[in-house]
Amino acid sequence: MTLTKTALSTAIAGAAAAGMLLVGGAPVSAQPAPPPLPALGEQPPAWAPPKPAEVWIGQPVVWNSAWGGRWGVWINGGWISLTSNPVTGGG
């Protein structure tokens, strides 16, 4: 009886481990999505504040006209603003 219980528990553990390998065992090496088109940079207007930096955390600092316009970076498809809105002075 003990041998049967041990063999059964070993078989269940082995099947569970094999299932985990099949579901999540493949290495994930996907590249992040390319940034949206504005990340390539828009031409800043004449009234834009000075550019705070050329790069931030390895990403180019670009002008984005959304939200009244501001300098920032696109990282993994998301915008990180580095300046406040020059029109309203708000965030």
PDB file of N, CA and C in Angstrom:
ATOM      1  N   MET A   1       0.817  -1.186   0.000  1.00  0.00           N
ATOM      2  CA  MET A   1       0.000   0.000   0.000  1.00  0.00           C
ATOM      3  C   MET A   1       0.862   1.252   0.000  1.00  0.00           C
ATOM      4  N   THR A   2       1.934   1.270   0.789  1.00  0.00           N
ATOM      5  CA  THR A   2       2.809   2.426   0.867  1.00  0.00           C
ATOM      6  C   THR A   2       3.475   2.681  -0.479  1.00  0.00           C
ATOM      7  N   LEU A   3       3.891   1.623  -1.147  1.00  0.00           N
ATOM      8  CA  LEU A   3       4.522   1.766  -2.455  1.00  0.00           C
ATOM      9  C   LEU A   3       3.551   2.378  -3.451  1.00  0.00           C
ATOM     10  N   THR A   4       2.285   2.008  -3.414  1.00  0.00           N
ATOM     11  CA  THR A   4       1.285   2.550  -4.323  1.00  0.00           C
ATOM     12  C   THR A   4       1.064   4.035  -4.064  1.00  0.00           C
ATOM     13  N   LYS A   5       0.960   4.436  -2.780  1.00  0.00           N
ATOM     14  CA  LYS A   5       0.775   5.851  -2.452  1.00  0.00           C
ATOM     15  C   LYS A   5       1.971   6.678  -2.890  1.00  0.00           C
ATOM     16  N   THR A   6       3.168   6.159  -2.693  1.00  0.00           N
ATOM     17  CA  THR A   6       4.383   6.875  -3.084  1.00  0.00           C
ATOM     18  C   THR A   6       4.453   7.019  -4.596  1.00  0.00           C
ATOM     19  N   ALA A   7       4.144   5.932  -5.301  1.00  0.00           N
ATOM     20  CA  ALA A   7       4.184   5.978  -6.760  1.00  0.00           C
ATOM     21  C   ALA A   7       3.138   6.940  -7.302  1.00  0.00           C
ATOM     22  N   LEU A   8       1.957   6.936  -6.688  1.00  0.00           N
ATOM     23  CA  LEU A   8       0.892   7.820  -7.130  1.00  0.00           C
ATOM     24  C   LEU A   8       1.254   9.292  -6.887  1.00  0.00           C
ATOM     25  N   SER A   9       1.785   9.602  -5.703  1.00  0.00           N
ATOM     26  CA  SER A   9       2.142  10.990  -5.408  1.00  0.00           C
ATOM     27  C   SER A   9       3.301  11.454  -6.283  1.00  0.00           C
ATOM     28  N   THR A  10       4.237  10.558  -6.598  1.00  0.00           N
ATOM     29  CA  THR A  10       5.344  10.899  -7.493  1.00  0.00           C
ATOM     30  C   THR A  10       4.829  11.172  -8.900  1.00  0.00           C
ATOM     31  N   ALA A  11       3.879  10.367  -9.362  1.00  0.00           N
ATOM     32  CA  ALA A  11       3.308  10.566 -10.697  1.00  0.00           C
ATOM     33  C   ALA A  11       2.547  11.882 -10.776  1.00  0.00           C
ATOM     34  N   ILE A  12       1.813  12.224  -9.735  1.00  0.00           N
ATOM     35  CA  ILE A  12       1.059  13.483  -9.725  1.00  0.00           C
ATOM     36  C   ILE A  12       2.017  14.673  -9.717  1.00  0.00           C
ATOM     37  N   ALA A  13       3.062  14.597  -8.903  1.00  0.00           N
ATOM     38  CA  ALA A  13       4.042  15.682  -8.839  1.00  0.00           C
ATOM     39  C   ALA A  13       4.754  15.842 -10.180  1.00  0.00           C
ATOM     40  N   GLY A  14       5.086  14.735 -10.814  1.00  0.00           N
ATOM     41  CA  GLY A  14       5.745  14.793 -12.128  1.00  0.00           C
ATOM     42  C   GLY A  14       4.837  15.385 -13.188  1.00  0.00           C
ATOM     43  N   ALA A  15       3.573  15.032 -13.168  1.00  0.00           N
ATOM     44  CA  ALA A  15       2.621  15.574 -14.140  1.00  0.00           C
ATOM     45  C   ALA A  15       2.426  17.064 -13.924  1.00  0.00           C
ATOM     46  N   ALA A  16       2.377  17.497 -12.669  1.00  0.00           N
ATOM     47  CA  ALA A  16       2.222  18.923 -12.371  1.00  0.00           C
ATOM     48  C   ALA A  16       3.438  19.702 -12.848  1.00  0.00           C
ATOM     49  N   ALA A  17       4.627  19.161 -12.617  1.00  0.00           N
ATOM     50  CA  ALA A  17       5.855  19.831 -13.062  1.00  0.00           C
ATOM     51  C   ALA A  17       5.906  19.907 -14.580  1.00  0.00           C
ATOM     52  N   ALA A  18       5.522  18.837 -15.254  1.00  0.00           N
ATOM     53  CA  ALA A  18       5.520  18.839 -16.718  1.00  0.00           C
ATOM     54  C   ALA A  18       4.506  19.842 -17.252  1.00  0.00           C
ATOM     55  N   GLY A  19       3.365  19.939 -16.616  1.00  0.00           N
ATOM     56  CA  GLY A  19       2.355  20.911 -17.044  1.00  0.00           C
ATOM     57  C   GLY A  19       2.836  22.338 -16.876  1.00  0.00           C
ATOM     58  N   MET A  20       3.559  22.608 -15.791  1.00  0.00           N
ATOM     59  CA  MET A  20       4.087  23.950 -15.584  1.00  0.00           C
ATOM     60  C   MET A  20       5.133  24.291 -16.632  1.00  0.00           C
ATOM     61  N   LEU A  21       5.924  23.313 -17.037  1.00  0.00           N
ATOM     62  CA  LEU A  21       6.926  23.553 -18.067  1.00  0.00           C
ATOM     63  C   LEU A  21       6.277  23.827 -19.420  1.00  0.00           C
ATOM     64  N   LEU A  22       5.213  23.102 -19.709  1.00  0.00           N
ATOM     65  CA  LEU A  22       4.547  23.303 -20.994  1.00  0.00           C
ATOM     66  C   LEU A  22       3.853  24.657 -21.060  1.00  0.00           C
ATOM     67  N   VAL A  23       3.291  25.101 -19.965  1.00  0.00           N
ATOM     68  CA  VAL A  23       2.555  26.364 -19.956  1.00  0.00           C
ATOM     69  C   VAL A  23       3.497  27.557 -19.900  1.00  0.00           C
ATOM     70  N   GLY A  24       4.448  27.529 -18.982  1.00  0.00           N
ATOM     71  CA  GLY A  24       5.280  28.701 -18.796  1.00  0.00           C
ATOM     72  C   GLY A  24       6.751  28.454 -18.993  1.00  0.00           C
ATOM     73  N   GLY A  25       7.124  27.352 -19.586  1.00  0.00           N
ATOM     74  CA  GLY A  25       8.526  27.025 -19.702  1.00  0.00           C
ATOM     75  C   GLY A  25       9.246  27.681 -20.859  1.00  0.00           C
ATOM     76  N   ALA A  26       8.517  28.180 -21.834  1.00  0.00           N
ATOM     77  CA  ALA A  26       9.172  28.794 -22.981  1.00  0.00           C
ATOM     78  C   ALA A  26       9.731  30.150 -22.581  1.00  0.00           C
ATOM     79  N   PRO A  27      10.991  30.432 -22.930  1.00  0.00           N
ATOM     80  CA  PRO A  27      11.566  31.732 -22.572  1.00  0.00           C
ATOM     81  C   PRO A  27      10.883  32.860 -23.346  1.00  0.00           C
ATOM     82  N   VAL A  28      10.669  33.943 -22.655  1.00  0.00           N
ATOM     83  CA  VAL A  28      10.028  35.095 -23.275  1.00  0.00           C
ATOM     84  C   VAL A  28      11.121  36.062 -23.693  1.00  0.00           C
ATOM     85  N   SER A  29      11.212  36.349 -24.967  1.00  0.00           N
ATOM     86  CA  SER A  29      12.239  37.260 -25.448  1.00  0.00           C
ATOM     87  C   SER A  29      11.634  38.297 -26.395  1.00  0.00           C
ATOM     88  N   ALA A  30      10.417  38.700 -26.106  1.00  0.00           N
ATOM     89  CA  ALA A  30       9.746  39.669 -26.969  1.00  0.00           C
ATOM     90  C   ALA A  30      10.343  41.049 -26.758  1.00  0.00           C
ATOM     91  N   GLN A  31      10.502  41.764 -27.834  1.00  0.00           N
ATOM     92  CA  GLN A  31      10.989  43.139 -27.772  1.00  0.00           C
ATOM     93  C   GLN A  31       9.830  44.047 -27.407  1.00  0.00           C
ATOM     94  N   PRO A  32      10.097  45.140 -26.683  1.00  0.00           N
ATOM     95  CA  PRO A  32       9.009  46.065 -26.375  1.00  0.00           C
ATOM     96  C   PRO A  32       8.462  46.686 -27.656  1.00  0.00           C
ATOM     97  N   ALA A  33       7.195  47.036 -27.599  1.00  0.00           N
ATOM     98  CA  ALA A  33       6.557  47.634 -28.767  1.00  0.00           C
ATOM     99  C   ALA A  33       7.245  48.955 -29.104  1.00  0.00           C
ATOM    100  N   PRO A  34       7.331  49.286 -30.379  1.00  0.00           N
ATOM    101  CA  PRO A  34       7.931  50.571 -30.728  1.00  0.00           C
ATOM    102  C   PRO A  34       7.066  51.708 -30.201  1.00  0.00           C
ATOM    103  N   PRO A  35       7.685  52.820 -29.866  1.00  0.00           N
ATOM    104  CA  PRO A  35       6.897  53.934 -29.336  1.00  0.00           C
ATOM    105  C   PRO A  35       5.952  54.487 -30.387  1.00  0.00           C
ATOM    106  N   PRO A  36       4.886  55.138 -29.950  1.00  0.00           N
ATOM    107  CA  PRO A  36       3.976  55.751 -30.908  1.00  0.00           C
ATOM    108  C   PRO A  36       4.706  56.781 -31.773  1.00  0.00           C
ATOM    109  N   LEU A  37       4.116  57.139 -32.880  1.00  0.00           N
ATOM    110  CA  LEU A  37       4.742  58.036 -33.841  1.00  0.00           C
ATOM    111  C   LEU A  37       5.240  59.338 -33.228  1.00  0.00           C
ATOM    112  N   PRO A  38       4.520  59.980 -32.284  1.00  0.00           N
ATOM    113  CA  PRO A  38       5.060  61.221 -31.713  1.00  0.00           C
ATOM    114  C   PRO A  38       6.395  61.038 -31.018  1.00  0.00           C
ATOM    115  N   ALA A  39       6.759  59.812 -30.635  1.00  0.00           N
ATOM    116  CA  ALA A  39       8.028  59.591 -29.956  1.00  0.00           C
ATOM    117  C   ALA A  39       9.200  59.894 -30.878  1.00  0.00           C
ATOM    118  N   LEU A  40       8.946  59.877 -32.175  1.00  0.00           N
ATOM    119  CA  LEU A  40       9.999  60.222 -33.107  1.00  0.00           C
ATOM    120  C   LEU A  40      10.301  61.706 -33.040  1.00  0.00           C
ATOM    121  N   GLY A  41       9.418  62.459 -32.446  1.00  0.00           N
ATOM    122  CA  GLY A  41       9.654  63.871 -32.216  1.00  0.00           C
ATOM    123  C   GLY A  41       8.825  64.766 -33.109  1.00  0.00           C
ATOM    124  N   GLU A  42       8.159  65.703 -32.491  1.00  0.00           N
ATOM    125  CA  GLU A  42       7.429  66.729 -33.219  1.00  0.00           C
ATOM    126  C   GLU A  42       8.283  67.994 -33.213  1.00  0.00           C
ATOM    127  N   GLN A  43       8.020  68.866 -34.141  1.00  0.00           N
ATOM    128  CA  GLN A  43       8.716  70.140 -34.167  1.00  0.00           C
ATOM    129  C   GLN A  43       8.141  71.018 -33.058  1.00  0.00           C
ATOM    130  N   PRO A  44       8.959  71.437 -32.088  1.00  0.00           N
ATOM    131  CA  PRO A  44       8.411  72.278 -31.014  1.00  0.00           C
ATOM    132  C   PRO A  44       8.082  73.670 -31.534  1.00  0.00           C
ATOM    133  N   PRO A  45       7.033  74.284 -31.006  1.00  0.00           N
ATOM    134  CA  PRO A  45       6.691  75.639 -31.437  1.00  0.00           C
ATOM    135  C   PRO A  45       7.721  76.649 -30.915  1.00  0.00           C
ATOM    136  N   ALA A  46       7.665  77.849 -31.452  1.00  0.00           N
ATOM    137  CA  ALA A  46       8.625  78.888 -31.057  1.00  0.00           C
ATOM    138  C   ALA A  46       8.494  79.244 -29.577  1.00  0.00           C
ATOM    139  N   TRP A  47       7.306  79.122 -29.011  1.00  0.00           N
ATOM    140  CA  TRP A  47       7.079  79.486 -27.615  1.00  0.00           C
ATOM    141  C   TRP A  47       7.404  78.374 -26.619  1.00  0.00           C
ATOM    142  N   ALA A  48       7.863  77.234 -27.108  1.00  0.00           N
ATOM    143  CA  ALA A  48       8.167  76.097 -26.235  1.00  0.00           C
ATOM    144  C   ALA A  48       9.317  76.443 -25.293  1.00  0.00           C
ATOM    145  N   PRO A  49       9.254  75.968 -24.053  1.00  0.00           N
ATOM    146  CA  PRO A  49      10.372  76.193 -23.134  1.00  0.00           C
ATOM    147  C   PRO A  49      11.614  75.459 -23.632  1.00  0.00           C
ATOM    148  N   PRO A  50      12.783  75.809 -23.119  1.00  0.00           N
ATOM    149  CA  PRO A  50      13.991  75.119 -23.563  1.00  0.00           C
ATOM    150  C   PRO A  50      13.934  73.620 -23.256  1.00  0.00           C
ATOM    151  N   LYS A  51      14.560  72.856 -24.103  1.00  0.00           N
ATOM    152  CA  LYS A  51      14.612  71.402 -23.921  1.00  0.00           C
ATOM    153  C   LYS A  51      15.433  71.096 -22.667  1.00  0.00           C
ATOM    154  N   PRO A  52      14.869  70.314 -21.711  1.00  0.00           N
ATOM    155  CA  PRO A  52      15.575  70.095 -20.449  1.00  0.00           C
ATOM    156  C   PRO A  52      16.816  69.205 -20.572  1.00  0.00           C
ATOM    157  N   ALA A  53      16.839  68.316 -21.544  1.00  0.00           N
ATOM    158  CA  ALA A  53      17.972  67.401 -21.735  1.00  0.00           C
ATOM    159  C   ALA A  53      17.841  66.752 -23.102  1.00  0.00           C
ATOM    160  N   GLU A  54      18.900  66.162 -23.583  1.00  0.00           N
ATOM    161  CA  GLU A  54      18.849  65.440 -24.858  1.00  0.00           C
ATOM    162  C   GLU A  54      18.313  64.021 -24.666  1.00  0.00           C
ATOM    163  N   VAL A  55      18.708  63.370 -23.568  1.00  0.00           N
ATOM    164  CA  VAL A  55      18.240  62.007 -23.258  1.00  0.00           C
ATOM    165  C   VAL A  55      17.883  61.927 -21.783  1.00  0.00           C
ATOM    166  N   TRP A  56      16.980  61.005 -21.464  1.00  0.00           N
ATOM    167  CA  TRP A  56      16.592  60.738 -20.081  1.00  0.00           C
ATOM    168  C   TRP A  56      16.415  59.239 -19.955  1.00  0.00           C
ATOM    169  N   ILE A  57      17.178  58.620 -19.090  1.00  0.00           N
ATOM    170  CA  ILE A  57      17.205  57.165 -18.903  1.00  0.00           C
ATOM    171  C   ILE A  57      17.379  56.456 -20.256  1.00  0.00           C
ATOM    172  N   GLY A  58      18.273  56.976 -21.057  1.00  0.00           N
ATOM    173  CA  GLY A  58      18.597  56.357 -22.339  1.00  0.00           C
ATOM    174  C   GLY A  58      17.592  56.600 -23.446  1.00  0.00           C
ATOM    175  N   GLN A  59      16.547  57.362 -23.200  1.00  0.00           N
ATOM    176  CA  GLN A  59      15.518  57.639 -24.206  1.00  0.00           C
ATOM    177  C   GLN A  59      15.635  59.092 -24.660  1.00  0.00           C
ATOM    178  N   PRO A  60      15.412  59.368 -25.945  1.00  0.00           N
ATOM    179  CA  PRO A  60      15.503  60.753 -26.413  1.00  0.00           C
ATOM    180  C   PRO A  60      14.358  61.604 -25.865  1.00  0.00           C
ATOM    181  N   VAL A  61      14.682  62.812 -25.463  1.00  0.00           N
ATOM    182  CA  VAL A  61      13.672  63.762 -24.995  1.00  0.00           C
ATOM    183  C   VAL A  61      13.081  64.425 -26.233  1.00  0.00           C
ATOM    184  N   VAL A  62      11.745  64.383 -26.332  1.00  0.00           N
ATOM    185  CA  VAL A  62      11.059  64.915 -27.512  1.00  0.00           C
ATOM    186  C   VAL A  62       9.902  65.816 -27.082  1.00  0.00           C
ATOM    187  N   TRP A  63       9.439  66.635 -28.027  1.00  0.00           N
ATOM    188  CA  TRP A  63       8.293  67.510 -27.801  1.00  0.00           C
ATOM    189  C   TRP A  63       7.025  66.761 -28.153  1.00  0.00           C
ATOM    190  N   ASN A  64       6.005  66.875 -27.297  1.00  0.00           N
ATOM    191  CA  ASN A  64       4.701  66.279 -27.552  1.00  0.00           C
ATOM    192  C   ASN A  64       3.676  67.392 -27.427  1.00  0.00           C
ATOM    193  N   SER A  65       2.906  67.625 -28.473  1.00  0.00           N
ATOM    194  CA  SER A  65       1.948  68.733 -28.476  1.00  0.00           C
ATOM    195  C   SER A  65       0.669  68.425 -27.686  1.00  0.00           C
ATOM    196  N   ALA A  66       0.499  67.197 -27.242  1.00  0.00           N
ATOM    197  CA  ALA A  66      -0.687  66.855 -26.449  1.00  0.00           C
ATOM    198  C   ALA A  66      -0.636  67.561 -25.098  1.00  0.00           C
ATOM    199  N   TRP A  67      -1.779  67.757 -24.492  1.00  0.00           N
ATOM    200  CA  TRP A  67      -1.913  68.363 -23.169  1.00  0.00           C
ATOM    201  C   TRP A  67      -1.304  69.765 -23.121  1.00  0.00           C
ATOM    202  N   GLY A  68      -1.405  70.520 -24.193  1.00  0.00           N
ATOM    203  CA  GLY A  68      -0.869  71.874 -24.231  1.00  0.00           C
ATOM    204  C   GLY A  68       0.593  71.936 -24.631  1.00  0.00           C
ATOM    205  N   GLY A  69       1.238  70.804 -24.773  1.00  0.00           N
ATOM    206  CA  GLY A  69       2.630  70.728 -25.188  1.00  0.00           C
ATOM    207  C   GLY A  69       3.576  70.646 -24.003  1.00  0.00           C
ATOM    208  N   ARG A  70       4.534  69.755 -24.119  1.00  0.00           N
ATOM    209  CA  ARG A  70       5.555  69.614 -23.076  1.00  0.00           C
ATOM    210  C   ARG A  70       6.661  68.691 -23.571  1.00  0.00           C
ATOM    211  N   TRP A  71       7.811  68.785 -22.920  1.00  0.00           N
ATOM    212  CA  TRP A  71       8.936  67.912 -23.206  1.00  0.00           C
ATOM    213  C   TRP A  71       8.810  66.650 -22.357  1.00  0.00           C
ATOM    214  N   GLY A  72       9.230  65.527 -22.925  1.00  0.00           N
ATOM    215  CA  GLY A  72       9.189  64.273 -22.195  1.00  0.00           C
ATOM    216  C   GLY A  72       9.785  63.146 -23.004  1.00  0.00           C
ATOM    217  N   VAL A  73       9.577  61.930 -22.543  1.00  0.00           N
ATOM    218  CA  VAL A  73      10.097  60.737 -23.208  1.00  0.00           C
ATOM    219  C   VAL A  73       8.987  59.699 -23.340  1.00  0.00           C
ATOM    220  N   TRP A  74       9.077  58.893 -24.381  1.00  0.00           N
ATOM    221  CA  TRP A  74       8.201  57.736 -24.552  1.00  0.00           C
ATOM    222  C   TRP A  74       8.979  56.521 -24.071  1.00  0.00           C
ATOM    223  N   ILE A  75       8.432  55.784 -23.119  1.00  0.00           N
ATOM    224  CA  ILE A  75       9.063  54.549 -22.638  1.00  0.00           C
ATOM    225  C   ILE A  75       8.001  53.453 -22.657  1.00  0.00           C
ATOM    226  N   ASN A  76       8.265  52.409 -23.435  1.00  0.00           N
ATOM    227  CA  ASN A  76       7.349  51.266 -23.571  1.00  0.00           C
ATOM    228  C   ASN A  76       5.941  51.708 -23.919  1.00  0.00           C
ATOM    229  N   GLY A  77       5.809  52.653 -24.803  1.00  0.00           N
ATOM    230  CA  GLY A  77       4.498  53.104 -25.261  1.00  0.00           C
ATOM    231  C   GLY A  77       3.809  54.069 -24.318  1.00  0.00           C
ATOM    232  N   GLY A  78       4.431  54.433 -23.218  1.00  0.00           N
ATOM    233  CA  GLY A  78       3.840  55.369 -22.269  1.00  0.00           C
ATOM    234  C   GLY A  78       4.638  56.661 -22.218  1.00  0.00           C
ATOM    235  N   TRP A  79       3.965  57.762 -21.982  1.00  0.00           N
ATOM    236  CA  TRP A  79       4.590  59.081 -21.965  1.00  0.00           C
ATOM    237  C   TRP A  79       4.973  59.468 -20.546  1.00  0.00           C
ATOM    238  N   ILE A  80       6.203  59.934 -20.373  1.00  0.00           N
ATOM    239  CA  ILE A  80       6.655  60.485 -19.105  1.00  0.00           C
ATOM    240  C   ILE A  80       7.004  61.938 -19.370  1.00  0.00           C
ATOM    241  N   SER A  81       6.242  62.819 -18.771  1.00  0.00           N
ATOM    242  CA  SER A  81       6.436  64.256 -18.968  1.00  0.00           C
ATOM    243  C   SER A  81       7.579  64.742 -18.100  1.00  0.00           C
ATOM    244  N   LEU A  82       8.447  65.574 -18.678  1.00  0.00           N
ATOM    245  CA  LEU A  82       9.568  66.130 -17.938  1.00  0.00           C
ATOM    246  C   LEU A  82       9.376  67.610 -17.636  1.00  0.00           C
ATOM    247  N   THR A  83       8.388  68.232 -18.253  1.00  0.00           N
ATOM    248  CA  THR A  83       8.102  69.652 -18.001  1.00  0.00           C
ATOM    249  C   THR A  83       6.615  69.835 -17.764  1.00  0.00           C
ATOM    250  N   SER A  84       6.260  70.953 -17.185  1.00  0.00           N
ATOM    251  CA  SER A  84       4.832  71.255 -16.997  1.00  0.00           C
ATOM    252  C   SER A  84       4.293  71.912 -18.242  1.00  0.00           C
ATOM    253  N   ASN A  85       2.990  72.091 -18.270  1.00  0.00           N
ATOM    254  CA  ASN A  85       2.314  72.721 -19.400  1.00  0.00           C
ATOM    255  C   ASN A  85       2.750  74.192 -19.454  1.00  0.00           C
ATOM    256  N   PRO A  86       3.418  74.619 -20.552  1.00  0.00           N
ATOM    257  CA  PRO A  86       3.880  76.004 -20.612  1.00  0.00           C
ATOM    258  C   PRO A  86       2.763  77.017 -20.759  1.00  0.00           C
ATOM    259  N   VAL A  87       1.581  76.595 -21.186  1.00  0.00           N
ATOM    260  CA  VAL A  87       0.457  77.521 -21.367  1.00  0.00           C
ATOM    261  C   VAL A  87      -0.198  77.826 -20.023  1.00  0.00           C
ATOM    262  N   THR A  88      -0.477  76.788 -19.240  1.00  0.00           N
ATOM    263  CA  THR A  88      -1.169  76.968 -17.963  1.00  0.00           C
ATOM    264  C   THR A  88      -0.232  76.898 -16.758  1.00  0.00           C
ATOM    265  N   GLY A  89       0.972  76.387 -16.967  1.00  0.00           N
ATOM    266  CA  GLY A  89       1.907  76.200 -15.859  1.00  0.00           C
ATOM    267  C   GLY A  89       1.542  75.006 -14.991  1.00  0.00           C
ATOM    268  N   GLY A  90       0.537  74.259 -15.403  1.00  0.00           N
ATOM    269  CA  GLY A  90       0.080  73.101 -14.632  1.00  0.00           C
ATOM    270  C   GLY A  90       0.786  71.823 -15.028  1.00  0.00           C
ATOM    271  N   GLY A  91       0.439  70.752 -14.317  1.00  0.00           N
ATOM    272  CA  GLY A  91       1.061  69.461 -14.535  1.00  0.00           C
ATOM    273  C   GLY A  91       0.511  68.672 -15.629  1.00  0.00           C
TER     274      GLY A  91
END
